[in-house]
Protein backbone atom coordinates (compact mmCIF):
# COMPACT_ATOMS: atom_id res chain seq x y z
CA MET A 1 -22.62 16.04 -3.55
CA PRO A 2 -19.90 13.53 -4.52
CA LEU A 3 -19.79 10.09 -2.99
CA ASP A 4 -17.29 9.67 -0.16
CA TYR A 5 -15.34 6.64 -1.32
CA SER A 6 -13.17 6.68 1.84
CA ALA A 7 -16.30 5.93 4.05
CA LEU A 8 -17.96 3.72 1.45
CA LEU A 9 -15.13 1.69 0.02
CA TYR A 10 -11.78 2.11 1.76
CA ASP A 11 -12.87 2.02 5.35
CA PRO A 12 -14.73 -1.26 5.22
CA VAL A 13 -11.95 -2.88 3.06
CA TYR A 14 -9.02 -1.81 5.31
CA ASN A 15 -11.05 -2.77 8.46
CA ALA A 16 -11.65 -6.23 7.06
CA LEU A 17 -8.36 -6.86 5.20
CA GLY A 18 -5.91 -4.35 6.48
CA VAL A 19 -3.13 -5.48 8.91
CA PRO A 20 -1.08 -3.26 11.25
CA ALA A 21 2.24 -2.07 9.97
CA MET A 22 5.22 0.15 11.04
CA LEU A 23 6.59 2.46 8.45
CA THR A 24 10.00 4.00 9.01
CA HIS A 25 10.32 7.28 7.05
CA THR A 26 12.35 10.51 7.16
CA ALA A 27 9.85 12.08 9.70
CA GLY A 28 9.96 9.06 12.05
CA VAL A 29 8.05 5.84 12.56
CA SER A 30 4.33 5.60 11.98
CA GLU A 31 1.82 2.93 12.69
CA ILE A 32 -0.41 2.40 9.70
CA ARG A 33 -2.71 -0.19 8.18
CA VAL A 34 -1.73 -2.00 4.86
CA ILE A 35 -3.23 -4.61 2.72
CA ASP A 36 -0.71 -7.31 2.29
CA ASP A 37 -0.14 -8.02 -1.48
CA THR A 38 3.16 -9.92 -1.16
CA ARG A 39 2.00 -13.26 -2.42
CA ALA A 40 2.78 -13.87 -6.07
CA LYS A 41 -0.23 -14.32 -8.28
CA SER A 42 -0.48 -16.62 -11.28
CA LEU A 43 -2.26 -16.09 -14.52
CA THR A 44 -2.75 -19.06 -16.88
CA ASN A 45 -3.66 -18.63 -20.47
CA GLY A 46 -3.75 -21.84 -22.24
CA SER A 47 -0.35 -23.62 -21.59
CA LEU A 48 1.36 -20.24 -20.56
CA GLU A 49 1.64 -19.28 -16.95
CA THR A 50 2.78 -15.91 -15.77
CA LYS A 51 3.56 -14.56 -12.22
CA SER A 52 3.05 -11.11 -10.91
CA VAL A 53 5.98 -8.76 -10.82
CA GLY A 54 6.67 -9.02 -7.10
CA PRO A 55 5.62 -8.25 -3.46
CA GLY A 56 3.59 -5.18 -2.69
CA ALA A 57 1.39 -3.51 -0.13
CA PHE A 58 -1.49 -1.17 -0.44
CA VAL A 59 -1.78 1.92 1.77
CA ARG A 60 -4.16 4.72 1.97
CA VAL A 61 -2.75 8.14 0.94
CA PRO A 62 -4.68 10.14 3.52
CA GLU A 63 -3.32 7.93 6.26
CA LEU A 64 0.29 8.51 5.03
CA THR A 65 -0.40 12.25 4.73
CA ALA A 66 -1.83 12.30 8.31
CA ASN A 67 1.38 10.66 9.51
CA GLY A 68 3.60 13.30 7.87
CA VAL A 69 4.85 10.96 5.17
CA ASP A 70 5.47 12.97 1.88
CA ARG A 71 5.29 11.30 -1.43
CA SER A 72 8.96 12.22 -2.14
CA ASP A 73 9.80 9.97 0.88
CA TYR A 74 7.82 6.80 -0.18
CA ASP A 75 10.73 5.17 -1.96
CA GLY A 76 13.32 3.75 0.50
CA CYS A 77 11.10 3.52 3.54
CA ALA A 78 11.17 0.49 5.71
CA LEU A 79 7.70 -1.24 6.07
CA ALA A 80 7.21 -4.03 8.61
CA PHE A 81 4.05 -6.15 8.79
CA ASN A 82 3.00 -9.82 9.19
CA GLY A 83 6.38 -10.65 10.74
CA ARG A 84 8.58 -9.38 7.92
CA THR A 85 10.37 -6.18 7.07
CA TRP A 86 10.47 -4.73 3.58
CA ILE A 87 11.98 -1.89 1.75
CA VAL A 88 9.86 0.20 -0.59
CA ARG A 89 11.59 0.10 -3.87
CA SER A 90 9.10 2.08 -5.74
CA HIS A 91 5.37 2.99 -5.73
CA GLU A 92 2.40 3.32 -7.95
CA MET A 93 -0.39 5.81 -7.21
CA ARG A 94 -3.91 4.19 -7.51
CA GLY A 95 -6.03 7.28 -6.95
CA SER A 96 -9.79 7.18 -6.30
CA PRO A 97 -12.85 8.80 -7.93
CA ASN A 98 -12.36 11.62 -5.24
CA GLY A 99 -8.94 12.36 -6.52
CA GLU A 100 -5.37 10.97 -6.13
CA ASP A 101 -4.89 12.40 -2.71
CA GLN A 102 -7.90 10.40 -1.43
CA GLY A 103 -6.88 7.06 -2.93
CA GLU A 104 -4.33 4.51 -2.44
CA VAL A 105 -0.68 3.86 -3.30
CA ARG A 106 0.76 0.47 -3.97
CA PHE A 107 4.22 0.05 -2.53
CA LEU A 108 6.46 -2.30 -4.54
CA LEU A 109 8.62 -4.01 -2.07
CA LYS A 110 11.98 -5.81 -1.80
CA ALA A 111 13.30 -7.84 1.10
CA GLY A 112 14.65 -5.73 3.86
């Protein structure tokens, strides 16, 4: 029997780090949990410092599916959390060992 990564990994992480969010999509408005990834991160290699590409948020794919959010609707959704509203400009599927539909998606955000 395969390991249930949702129960072993994603549930504890989203319970500890996740914040409530409102996602406005074509099927309506859904209350979901996201992991805030909006702060730029720096990587220093010798005298060279680089920043991450931009703000994002991680969301569990099963939660989106349960709320009637289709993958074709991810881009262009409004996502409000931690006092700000963002627009999903694109997304990256992160998957899981149990398959892409049981993993995460990283929403790449722009100011809304």
